[in-house]
Amino acid sequence: MSNNNREQGIDYGQLNEKLEQLDYPISAETLIDEYGEYGIDHQNGTKTLQEVFDPLTESDGQTFDSADQVRQMILNMIGSDAVGRKGYSDRGSEHVDDEEKSL
């Protein structure tokens, strides 16, 4: 997995390069037809672009104007599936009482 293909816990793999080479605007349907089998890795496994975008096929003419818009939609559609341990925070567990708040 290349770090250049990873964003917010999602690894776009070879799809990332393909997205950069496309002519935009492009429809969700065309993306699914041409790249639906491409895998998108996340914390809890892998989904194909078709699995992620399948709900978009029910909408009327979803189009994208850039690779960034496609990646953002992937992030939106995968949602909580990409989250590792839910409720986990690496920020510590220090509790601050209301009386201790700084002014």
PDB file of N, CA and C in Angstrom:
ATOM      1  N   MET A   1       0.836  -1.185   0.000  1.00  0.00           N
ATOM      2  CA  MET A   1       0.000   0.000   0.000  1.00  0.00           C
ATOM      3  C   MET A   1       0.876   1.242   0.000  1.00  0.00           C
ATOM      4  N   SER A   2       0.611   2.096  -0.906  1.00  0.00           N
ATOM      5  CA  SER A   2       1.391   3.320  -0.999  1.00  0.00           C
ATOM      6  C   SER A   2       0.730   4.428  -0.204  1.00  0.00           C
ATOM      7  N   ASN A   3       1.535   5.201   0.510  1.00  0.00           N
ATOM      8  CA  ASN A   3       0.989   6.311   1.281  1.00  0.00           C
ATOM      9  C   ASN A   3       0.336   7.359   0.390  1.00  0.00           C
ATOM     10  N   ASN A   4       0.768   7.450  -0.876  1.00  0.00           N
ATOM     11  CA  ASN A   4       0.167   8.410  -1.794  1.00  0.00           C
ATOM     12  C   ASN A   4      -1.270   8.051  -2.138  1.00  0.00           C
ATOM     13  N   ASN A   5      -1.659   6.828  -1.899  1.00  0.00           N
ATOM     14  CA  ASN A   5      -2.999   6.373  -2.217  1.00  0.00           C
ATOM     15  C   ASN A   5      -3.895   6.299  -0.990  1.00  0.00           C
ATOM     16  N   ARG A   6      -3.386   6.722   0.156  1.00  0.00           N
ATOM     17  CA  ARG A   6      -4.127   6.622   1.417  1.00  0.00           C
ATOM     18  C   ARG A   6      -4.568   8.005   1.893  1.00  0.00           C
ATOM     19  N   GLU A   7      -5.832   8.052   2.333  1.00  0.00           N
ATOM     20  CA  GLU A   7      -6.382   9.301   2.858  1.00  0.00           C
ATOM     21  C   GLU A   7      -7.449   8.963   3.888  1.00  0.00           C
ATOM     22  N   GLN A   8      -7.318   9.492   5.076  1.00  0.00           N
ATOM     23  CA  GLN A   8      -8.282   9.315   6.154  1.00  0.00           C
ATOM     24  C   GLN A   8      -8.675   7.854   6.368  1.00  0.00           C
ATOM     25  N   GLY A   9      -7.674   6.979   6.379  1.00  0.00           N
ATOM     26  CA  GLY A   9      -7.920   5.568   6.642  1.00  0.00           C
ATOM     27  C   GLY A   9      -8.387   4.766   5.442  1.00  0.00           C
ATOM     28  N   ILE A  10      -8.465   5.395   4.285  1.00  0.00           N
ATOM     29  CA  ILE A  10      -8.895   4.725   3.063  1.00  0.00           C
ATOM     30  C   ILE A  10      -7.695   4.612   2.130  1.00  0.00           C
ATOM     31  N   ASP A  11      -7.473   3.411   1.601  1.00  0.00           N
ATOM     32  CA  ASP A  11      -6.416   3.220   0.611  1.00  0.00           C
ATOM     33  C   ASP A  11      -7.087   2.951  -0.730  1.00  0.00           C
ATOM     34  N   TYR A  12      -6.942   3.901  -1.649  1.00  0.00           N
ATOM     35  CA  TYR A  12      -7.587   3.818  -2.955  1.00  0.00           C
ATOM     36  C   TYR A  12      -6.835   2.905  -3.921  1.00  0.00           C
ATOM     37  N   GLY A  13      -5.615   2.535  -3.588  1.00  0.00           N
ATOM     38  CA  GLY A  13      -4.830   1.638  -4.419  1.00  0.00           C
ATOM     39  C   GLY A  13      -4.701   2.144  -5.848  1.00  0.00           C
ATOM     40  N   GLN A  14      -4.851   1.244  -6.810  1.00  0.00           N
ATOM     41  CA  GLN A  14      -4.699   1.576  -8.222  1.00  0.00           C
ATOM     42  C   GLN A  14      -5.802   2.512  -8.716  1.00  0.00           C
ATOM     43  N   LEU A  15      -6.930   2.527  -8.034  1.00  0.00           N
ATOM     44  CA  LEU A  15      -8.024   3.414  -8.436  1.00  0.00           C
ATOM     45  C   LEU A  15      -7.598   4.875  -8.390  1.00  0.00           C
ATOM     46  N   ASN A  16      -6.740   5.219  -7.436  1.00  0.00           N
ATOM     47  CA  ASN A  16      -6.303   6.607  -7.283  1.00  0.00           C
ATOM     48  C   ASN A  16      -5.656   7.132  -8.565  1.00  0.00           C
ATOM     49  N   GLU A  17      -4.781   6.340  -9.155  1.00  0.00           N
ATOM     50  CA  GLU A  17      -4.108   6.737 -10.396  1.00  0.00           C
ATOM     51  C   GLU A  17      -5.115   6.873 -11.532  1.00  0.00           C
ATOM     52  N   LYS A  18      -6.052   5.947 -11.616  1.00  0.00           N
ATOM     53  CA  LYS A  18      -7.078   5.993 -12.663  1.00  0.00           C
ATOM     54  C   LYS A  18      -7.929   7.250 -12.538  1.00  0.00           C
ATOM     55  N   LEU A  19      -8.279   7.620 -11.303  1.00  0.00           N
ATOM     56  CA  LEU A  19      -9.093   8.816 -11.089  1.00  0.00           C
ATOM     57  C   LEU A  19      -8.391  10.073 -11.591  1.00  0.00           C
ATOM     58  N   GLU A  20      -7.080  10.119 -11.411  1.00  0.00           N
ATOM     59  CA  GLU A  20      -6.309  11.285 -11.845  1.00  0.00           C
ATOM     60  C   GLU A  20      -6.220  11.389 -13.366  1.00  0.00           C
ATOM     61  N   GLN A  21      -6.383  10.272 -14.066  1.00  0.00           N
ATOM     62  CA  GLN A  21      -6.244  10.250 -15.517  1.00  0.00           C
ATOM     63  C   GLN A  21      -7.555  10.481 -16.259  1.00  0.00           C
ATOM     64  N   LEU A  22      -8.675  10.471 -15.563  1.00  0.00           N
ATOM     65  CA  LEU A  22      -9.977  10.584 -16.210  1.00  0.00           C
ATOM     66  C   LEU A  22     -10.267  11.993 -16.702  1.00  0.00           C
ATOM     67  N   ASP A  23     -11.137  12.073 -17.697  1.00  0.00           N
ATOM     68  CA  ASP A  23     -11.680  13.347 -18.148  1.00  0.00           C
ATOM     69  C   ASP A  23     -12.970  13.600 -17.380  1.00  0.00           C
ATOM     70  N   TYR A  24     -13.084  14.755 -16.802  1.00  0.00           N
ATOM     71  CA  TYR A  24     -14.256  15.118 -16.002  1.00  0.00           C
ATOM     72  C   TYR A  24     -15.043  16.194 -16.729  1.00  0.00           C
ATOM     73  N   PRO A  25     -16.349  16.271 -16.508  1.00  0.00           N
ATOM     74  CA  PRO A  25     -17.150  15.503 -15.554  1.00  0.00           C
ATOM     75  C   PRO A  25     -17.369  14.064 -16.020  1.00  0.00           C
ATOM     76  N   ILE A  26     -17.672  13.208 -15.025  1.00  0.00           N
ATOM     77  CA  ILE A  26     -17.931  11.794 -15.289  1.00  0.00           C
ATOM     78  C   ILE A  26     -19.060  11.349 -14.372  1.00  0.00           C
ATOM     79  N   SER A  27     -19.878  10.453 -14.863  1.00  0.00           N
ATOM     80  CA  SER A  27     -21.023   9.997 -14.072  1.00  0.00           C
ATOM     81  C   SER A  27     -20.618   8.846 -13.151  1.00  0.00           C
ATOM     82  N   ALA A  28     -21.379   8.693 -12.075  1.00  0.00           N
ATOM     83  CA  ALA A  28     -21.161   7.576 -11.153  1.00  0.00           C
ATOM     84  C   ALA A  28     -21.359   6.261 -11.893  1.00  0.00           C
ATOM     85  N   GLU A  29     -22.330   6.230 -12.787  1.00  0.00           N
ATOM     86  CA  GLU A  29     -22.596   5.012 -13.555  1.00  0.00           C
ATOM     87  C   GLU A  29     -21.390   4.617 -14.414  1.00  0.00           C
ATOM     88  N   THR A  30     -20.768   5.594 -15.071  1.00  0.00           N
ATOM     89  CA  THR A  30     -19.589   5.316 -15.888  1.00  0.00           C
ATOM     90  C   THR A  30     -18.431   4.828 -15.021  1.00  0.00           C
ATOM     91  N   LEU A  31     -18.240   5.459 -13.871  1.00  0.00           N
ATOM     92  CA  LEU A  31     -17.185   5.016 -12.952  1.00  0.00           C
ATOM     93  C   LEU A  31     -17.397   3.567 -12.535  1.00  0.00           C
ATOM     94  N   ILE A  32     -18.637   3.215 -12.205  1.00  0.00           N
ATOM     95  CA  ILE A  32     -18.937   1.848 -11.796  1.00  0.00           C
ATOM     96  C   ILE A  32     -18.705   0.882 -12.956  1.00  0.00           C
ATOM     97  N   ASP A  33     -19.168   1.259 -14.148  1.00  0.00           N
ATOM     98  CA  ASP A  33     -18.999   0.391 -15.314  1.00  0.00           C
ATOM     99  C   ASP A  33     -17.532   0.115 -15.622  1.00  0.00           C
ATOM    100  N   GLU A  34     -16.701   1.153 -15.522  1.00  0.00           N
ATOM    101  CA  GLU A  34     -15.304   1.019 -15.934  1.00  0.00           C
ATOM    102  C   GLU A  34     -14.351   0.620 -14.808  1.00  0.00           C
ATOM    103  N   TYR A  35     -14.670   0.991 -13.560  1.00  0.00           N
ATOM    104  CA  TYR A  35     -13.728   0.763 -12.457  1.00  0.00           C
ATOM    105  C   TYR A  35     -14.373   0.093 -11.251  1.00  0.00           C
ATOM    106  N   GLY A  36     -15.565  -0.445 -11.425  1.00  0.00           N
ATOM    107  CA  GLY A  36     -16.313  -1.033 -10.313  1.00  0.00           C
ATOM    108  C   GLY A  36     -15.608  -2.163  -9.587  1.00  0.00           C
ATOM    109  N   GLU A  37     -14.726  -2.869 -10.281  1.00  0.00           N
ATOM    110  CA  GLU A  37     -14.037  -4.007  -9.658  1.00  0.00           C
ATOM    111  C   GLU A  37     -12.820  -3.585  -8.838  1.00  0.00           C
ATOM    112  N   TYR A  38     -12.412  -2.325  -8.923  1.00  0.00           N
ATOM    113  CA  TYR A  38     -11.240  -1.860  -8.178  1.00  0.00           C
ATOM    114  C   TYR A  38     -11.542  -1.864  -6.685  1.00  0.00           C
ATOM    115  N   GLY A  39     -10.577  -2.375  -5.902  1.00  0.00           N
ATOM    116  CA  GLY A  39     -10.740  -2.468  -4.465  1.00  0.00           C
ATOM    117  C   GLY A  39     -10.337  -1.198  -3.741  1.00  0.00           C
ATOM    118  N   ILE A  40     -11.071  -0.919  -2.679  1.00  0.00           N
ATOM    119  CA  ILE A  40     -10.800   0.215  -1.795  1.00  0.00           C
ATOM    120  C   ILE A  40     -10.625  -0.372  -0.401  1.00  0.00           C
ATOM    121  N   ASP A  41      -9.400  -0.305   0.115  1.00  0.00           N
ATOM    122  CA  ASP A  41      -9.093  -0.882   1.422  1.00  0.00           C
ATOM    123  C   ASP A  41      -9.400   0.123   2.526  1.00  0.00           C
ATOM    124  N   HIS A  42      -9.925  -0.410   3.631  1.00  0.00           N
ATOM    125  CA  HIS A  42     -10.153   0.409   4.819  1.00  0.00           C
ATOM    126  C   HIS A  42      -9.891  -0.442   6.053  1.00  0.00           C
ATOM    127  N   GLN A  43     -10.002   0.145   7.205  1.00  0.00           N
ATOM    128  CA  GLN A  43      -9.630  -0.499   8.470  1.00  0.00           C
ATOM    129  C   GLN A  43     -10.289  -1.864   8.655  1.00  0.00           C
ATOM    130  N   ASN A  44     -11.519  -2.000   8.200  1.00  0.00           N
ATOM    131  CA  ASN A  44     -12.257  -3.228   8.451  1.00  0.00           C
ATOM    132  C   ASN A  44     -12.370  -4.141   7.238  1.00  0.00           C
ATOM    133  N   GLY A  45     -11.537  -3.921   6.215  1.00  0.00           N
ATOM    134  CA  GLY A  45     -11.564  -4.807   5.058  1.00  0.00           C
ATOM    135  C   GLY A  45     -11.433  -4.065   3.744  1.00  0.00           C
ATOM    136  N   THR A  46     -12.042  -4.634   2.722  1.00  0.00           N
ATOM    137  CA  THR A  46     -11.980  -4.079   1.378  1.00  0.00           C
ATOM    138  C   THR A  46     -13.376  -4.093   0.774  1.00  0.00           C
ATOM    139  N   LYS A  47     -13.696  -3.033   0.051  1.00  0.00           N
ATOM    140  CA  LYS A  47     -14.924  -2.971  -0.727  1.00  0.00           C
ATOM    141  C   LYS A  47     -14.547  -2.562  -2.134  1.00  0.00           C
ATOM    142  N   THR A  48     -15.320  -3.021  -3.104  1.00  0.00           N
ATOM    143  CA  THR A  48     -15.092  -2.565  -4.464  1.00  0.00           C
ATOM    144  C   THR A  48     -15.778  -1.219  -4.657  1.00  0.00           C
ATOM    145  N   LEU A  49     -15.355  -0.508  -5.685  1.00  0.00           N
ATOM    146  CA  LEU A  49     -16.001   0.767  -5.998  1.00  0.00           C
ATOM    147  C   LEU A  49     -17.487   0.541  -6.260  1.00  0.00           C
ATOM    148  N   GLN A  50     -17.831  -0.562  -6.893  1.00  0.00           N
ATOM    149  CA  GLN A  50     -19.237  -0.844  -7.155  1.00  0.00           C
ATOM    150  C   GLN A  50     -20.025  -1.000  -5.858  1.00  0.00           C
ATOM    151  N   GLU A  51     -19.463  -1.697  -4.886  1.00  0.00           N
ATOM    152  CA  GLU A  51     -20.147  -1.856  -3.601  1.00  0.00           C
ATOM    153  C   GLU A  51     -20.352  -0.509  -2.914  1.00  0.00           C
ATOM    154  N   VAL A  52     -19.347   0.352  -3.000  1.00  0.00           N
ATOM    155  CA  VAL A  52     -19.428   1.657  -2.339  1.00  0.00           C
ATOM    156  C   VAL A  52     -20.422   2.571  -3.054  1.00  0.00           C
ATOM    157  N   PHE A  53     -20.379   2.578  -4.387  1.00  0.00           N
ATOM    158  CA  PHE A  53     -21.199   3.510  -5.161  1.00  0.00           C
ATOM    159  C   PHE A  53     -22.559   2.947  -5.565  1.00  0.00           C
ATOM    160  N   ASP A  54     -22.838   1.702  -5.256  1.00  0.00           N
ATOM    161  CA  ASP A  54     -24.094   1.094  -5.675  1.00  0.00           C
ATOM    162  C   ASP A  54     -25.322   1.952  -5.319  1.00  0.00           C
ATOM    163  N   PRO A  55     -25.416   2.517  -4.105  1.00  0.00           N
ATOM    164  CA  PRO A  55     -26.580   3.355  -3.803  1.00  0.00           C
ATOM    165  C   PRO A  55     -26.708   4.577  -4.729  1.00  0.00           C
ATOM    166  N   LEU A  56     -25.602   5.026  -5.309  1.00  0.00           N
ATOM    167  CA  LEU A  56     -25.654   6.195  -6.191  1.00  0.00           C
ATOM    168  C   LEU A  56     -26.342   5.881  -7.512  1.00  0.00           C
ATOM    169  N   THR A  57     -26.418   4.612  -7.877  1.00  0.00           N
ATOM    170  CA  THR A  57     -27.048   4.251  -9.144  1.00  0.00           C
ATOM    171  C   THR A  57     -28.558   4.502  -9.088  1.00  0.00           C
ATOM    172  N   GLU A  58     -29.098   4.605  -7.889  1.00  0.00           N
ATOM    173  CA  GLU A  58     -30.522   4.881  -7.730  1.00  0.00           C
ATOM    174  C   GLU A  58     -30.835   6.368  -7.885  1.00  0.00           C
ATOM    175  N   SER A  59     -29.821   7.216  -7.756  1.00  0.00           N
ATOM    176  CA  SER A  59     -30.046   8.655  -7.901  1.00  0.00           C
ATOM    177  C   SER A  59     -29.974   9.038  -9.373  1.00  0.00           C
ATOM    178  N   ASP A  60     -30.532  10.175  -9.689  1.00  0.00           N
ATOM    179  CA  ASP A  60     -30.564  10.630 -11.073  1.00  0.00           C
ATOM    180  C   ASP A  60     -29.291  11.357 -11.452  1.00  0.00           C
ATOM    181  N   GLY A  61     -28.478  10.719 -12.274  1.00  0.00           N
ATOM    182  CA  GLY A  61     -27.352  11.376 -12.909  1.00  0.00           C
ATOM    183  C   GLY A  61     -26.294  11.972 -12.012  1.00  0.00           C
ATOM    184  N   GLN A  62     -25.883  11.285 -10.958  1.00  0.00           N
ATOM    185  CA  GLN A  62     -24.788  11.776 -10.110  1.00  0.00           C
ATOM    186  C   GLN A  62     -23.532  11.899 -10.956  1.00  0.00           C
ATOM    187  N   THR A  63     -22.957  13.087 -11.012  1.00  0.00           N
ATOM    188  CA  THR A  63     -21.714  13.297 -11.754  1.00  0.00           C
ATOM    189  C   THR A  63     -20.672  13.920 -10.844  1.00  0.00           C
ATOM    190  N   PHE A  64     -19.427  13.773 -11.259  1.00  0.00           N
ATOM    191  CA  PHE A  64     -18.296  14.304 -10.508  1.00  0.00           C
ATOM    192  C   PHE A  64     -17.475  15.180 -11.428  1.00  0.00           C
ATOM    193  N   ASP A  65     -17.001  16.296 -10.889  1.00  0.00           N
ATOM    194  CA  ASP A  65     -16.213  17.252 -11.661  1.00  0.00           C
ATOM    195  C   ASP A  65     -14.717  17.097 -11.478  1.00  0.00           C
ATOM    196  N   SER A  66     -14.298  16.211 -10.555  1.00  0.00           N
ATOM    197  CA  SER A  66     -12.864  16.051 -10.301  1.00  0.00           C
ATOM    198  C   SER A  66     -12.608  14.750  -9.546  1.00  0.00           C
ATOM    199  N   ALA A  67     -11.349  14.339  -9.545  1.00  0.00           N
ATOM    200  CA  ALA A  67     -10.941  13.161  -8.777  1.00  0.00           C
ATOM    201  C   ALA A  67     -11.176  13.403  -7.285  1.00  0.00           C
ATOM    202  N   ASP A  68     -10.962  14.633  -6.837  1.00  0.00           N
ATOM    203  CA  ASP A  68     -11.192  14.958  -5.427  1.00  0.00           C
ATOM    204  C   ASP A  68     -12.651  14.741  -5.036  1.00  0.00           C
ATOM    205  N   GLN A  69     -13.578  15.092  -5.926  1.00  0.00           N
ATOM    206  CA  GLN A  69     -14.996  14.870  -5.632  1.00  0.00           C
ATOM    207  C   GLN A  69     -15.314  13.385  -5.540  1.00  0.00           C
ATOM    208  N   VAL A  70     -14.705  12.584  -6.394  1.00  0.00           N
ATOM    209  CA  VAL A  70     -14.923  11.136  -6.346  1.00  0.00           C
ATOM    210  C   VAL A  70     -14.398  10.584  -5.023  1.00  0.00           C
ATOM    211  N   ARG A  71     -13.177  10.971  -4.647  1.00  0.00           N
ATOM    212  CA  ARG A  71     -12.602  10.482  -3.387  1.00  0.00           C
ATOM    213  C   ARG A  71     -13.444  10.920  -2.188  1.00  0.00           C
ATOM    214  N   GLN A  72     -13.949  12.149  -2.206  1.00  0.00           N
ATOM    215  CA  GLN A  72     -14.789  12.624  -1.104  1.00  0.00           C
ATOM    216  C   GLN A  72     -16.073  11.806  -1.019  1.00  0.00           C
ATOM    217  N   MET A  73     -16.657  11.488  -2.159  1.00  0.00           N
ATOM    218  CA  MET A  73     -17.875  10.673  -2.146  1.00  0.00           C
ATOM    219  C   MET A  73     -17.577   9.272  -1.622  1.00  0.00           C
ATOM    220  N   ILE A  74     -16.426   8.725  -1.968  1.00  0.00           N
ATOM    221  CA  ILE A  74     -16.041   7.415  -1.434  1.00  0.00           C
ATOM    222  C   ILE A  74     -15.950   7.488   0.089  1.00  0.00           C
ATOM    223  N   LEU A  75     -15.304   8.521   0.599  1.00  0.00           N
ATOM    224  CA  LEU A  75     -15.213   8.700   2.053  1.00  0.00           C
ATOM    225  C   LEU A  75     -16.606   8.795   2.679  1.00  0.00           C
ATOM    226  N   ASN A  76     -17.501   9.548   2.042  1.00  0.00           N
ATOM    227  CA  ASN A  76     -18.859   9.711   2.563  1.00  0.00           C
ATOM    228  C   ASN A  76     -19.629   8.395   2.531  1.00  0.00           C
ATOM    229  N   MET A  77     -19.486   7.649   1.451  1.00  0.00           N
ATOM    230  CA  MET A  77     -20.267   6.431   1.279  1.00  0.00           C
ATOM    231  C   MET A  77     -19.750   5.284   2.142  1.00  0.00           C
ATOM    232  N   ILE A  78     -18.447   5.201   2.348  1.00  0.00           N
ATOM    233  CA  ILE A  78     -17.909   4.134   3.204  1.00  0.00           C
ATOM    234  C   ILE A  78     -18.250   4.438   4.653  1.00  0.00           C
ATOM    235  N   GLY A  79     -18.168   5.706   5.040  1.00  0.00           N
ATOM    236  CA  GLY A  79     -18.584   6.126   6.368  1.00  0.00           C
ATOM    237  C   GLY A  79     -17.932   5.369   7.494  1.00  0.00           C
ATOM    238  N   SER A  80     -18.755   4.872   8.401  1.00  0.00           N
ATOM    239  CA  SER A  80     -18.239   4.244   9.620  1.00  0.00           C
ATOM    240  C   SER A  80     -17.566   2.900   9.371  1.00  0.00           C
ATOM    241  N   ASP A  81     -17.725   2.307   8.176  1.00  0.00           N
ATOM    242  CA  ASP A  81     -17.018   1.066   7.880  1.00  0.00           C
ATOM    243  C   ASP A  81     -15.504   1.260   7.919  1.00  0.00           C
ATOM    244  N   ALA A  82     -15.057   2.485   7.661  1.00  0.00           N
ATOM    245  CA  ALA A  82     -13.621   2.759   7.630  1.00  0.00           C
ATOM    246  C   ALA A  82     -13.049   3.037   9.014  1.00  0.00           C
ATOM    247  N   VAL A  83     -13.904   3.159  10.003  1.00  0.00           N
ATOM    248  CA  VAL A  83     -13.458   3.464  11.358  1.00  0.00           C
ATOM    249  C   VAL A  83     -12.940   2.199  12.005  1.00  0.00           C
ATOM    250  N   GLY A  84     -11.766   2.294  12.591  1.00  0.00           N
ATOM    251  CA  GLY A  84     -11.193   1.148  13.281  1.00  0.00           C
ATOM    252  C   GLY A  84     -11.979   0.839  14.537  1.00  0.00           C
ATOM    253  N   ARG A  85     -11.401   1.099  15.674  1.00  0.00           N
ATOM    254  CA  ARG A  85     -12.064   0.851  16.944  1.00  0.00           C
ATOM    255  C   ARG A  85     -12.954   2.035  17.270  1.00  0.00           C
ATOM    256  N   LYS A  86     -14.252   1.816  17.265  1.00  0.00           N
ATOM    257  CA  LYS A  86     -15.190   2.899  17.544  1.00  0.00           C
ATOM    258  C   LYS A  86     -15.042   3.352  18.986  1.00  0.00           C
ATOM    259  N   GLY A  87     -15.060   4.659  19.195  1.00  0.00           N
ATOM    260  CA  GLY A  87     -14.936   5.229  20.522  1.00  0.00           C
ATOM    261  C   GLY A  87     -13.500   5.325  21.009  1.00  0.00           C
ATOM    262  N   TYR A  88     -12.557   4.883  20.198  1.00  0.00           N
ATOM    263  CA  TYR A  88     -11.153   4.923  20.599  1.00  0.00           C
ATOM    264  C   TYR A  88     -10.591   6.315  20.404  1.00  0.00           C
ATOM    265  N   SER A  89      -9.817   6.750  21.363  1.00  0.00           N
ATOM    266  CA  SER A  89      -9.130   8.030  21.248  1.00  0.00           C
ATOM    267  C   SER A  89      -7.721   7.869  21.792  1.00  0.00           C
ATOM    268  N   ASP A  90      -6.766   8.421  21.086  1.00  0.00           N
ATOM    269  CA  ASP A  90      -5.390   8.370  21.575  1.00  0.00           C
ATOM    270  C   ASP A  90      -5.017   9.669  22.267  1.00  0.00           C
ATOM    271  N   ARG A  91      -5.998  10.420  22.660  1.00  0.00           N
ATOM    272  CA  ARG A  91      -5.757  11.722  23.284  1.00  0.00           C
ATOM    273  C   ARG A  91      -5.706  11.648  24.806  1.00  0.00           C
ATOM    274  N   GLY A  92      -5.706  10.479  25.350  1.00  0.00           N
ATOM    275  CA  GLY A  92      -5.630  10.343  26.798  1.00  0.00           C
ATOM    276  C   GLY A  92      -7.011  10.297  27.415  1.00  0.00           C
ATOM    277  N   SER A  93      -7.034  10.076  28.721  1.00  0.00           N
ATOM    278  CA  SER A  93      -8.328   9.959  29.397  1.00  0.00           C
ATOM    279  C   SER A  93      -8.456  10.967  30.531  1.00  0.00           C
ATOM    280  N   GLU A  94      -7.677  12.013  30.460  1.00  0.00           N
ATOM    281  CA  GLU A  94      -7.717  13.027  31.510  1.00  0.00           C
ATOM    282  C   GLU A  94      -9.069  13.718  31.512  1.00  0.00           C
ATOM    283  N   HIS A  95      -9.673  13.820  32.677  1.00  0.00           N
ATOM    284  CA  HIS A  95     -10.969  14.471  32.829  1.00  0.00           C
ATOM    285  C   HIS A  95     -10.750  15.808  33.534  1.00  0.00           C
ATOM    286  N   VAL A  96     -11.332  16.853  32.987  1.00  0.00           N
ATOM    287  CA  VAL A  96     -11.215  18.168  33.591  1.00  0.00           C
ATOM    288  C   VAL A  96     -12.574  18.570  34.129  1.00  0.00           C
ATOM    289  N   ASP A  97     -12.625  18.854  35.449  1.00  0.00           N
ATOM    290  CA  ASP A  97     -13.870  19.294  36.066  1.00  0.00           C
ATOM    291  C   ASP A  97     -14.184  20.711  35.607  1.00  0.00           C
ATOM    292  N   ASP A  98     -15.465  21.064  35.658  1.00  0.00           N
ATOM    293  CA  ASP A  98     -15.884  22.413  35.272  1.00  0.00           C
ATOM    294  C   ASP A  98     -15.175  23.475  36.095  1.00  0.00           C
ATOM    295  N   GLU A  99     -14.916  23.177  37.374  1.00  0.00           N
ATOM    296  CA  GLU A  99     -14.272  24.155  38.252  1.00  0.00           C
ATOM    297  C   GLU A  99     -12.811  24.385  37.860  1.00  0.00           C
ATOM    298  N   GLU A 100     -12.194  23.417  37.169  1.00  0.00           N
ATOM    299  CA  GLU A 100     -10.790  23.505  36.826  1.00  0.00           C
ATOM    300  C   GLU A 100     -10.537  24.171  35.481  1.00  0.00           C
ATOM    301  N   LYS A 101     -11.578  24.565  34.777  1.00  0.00           N
ATOM    302  CA  LYS A 101     -11.396  25.180  33.469  1.00  0.00           C
ATOM    303  C   LYS A 101     -10.617  26.468  33.612  1.00  0.00           C
ATOM    304  N   SER A 102      -9.732  26.697  32.657  1.00  0.00           N
ATOM    305  CA  SER A 102      -8.967  27.938  32.689  1.00  0.00           C
ATOM    306  C   SER A 102      -9.824  29.073  32.169  1.00  0.00           C
ATOM    307  N   LEU A 103      -9.501  30.250  32.615  1.00  0.00           N
ATOM    308  CA  LEU A 103     -10.271  31.429  32.220  1.00  0.00           C
ATOM    309  C   LEU A 103      -9.694  32.081  31.018  1.00  0.00           C
TER     310      LEU A 103
END
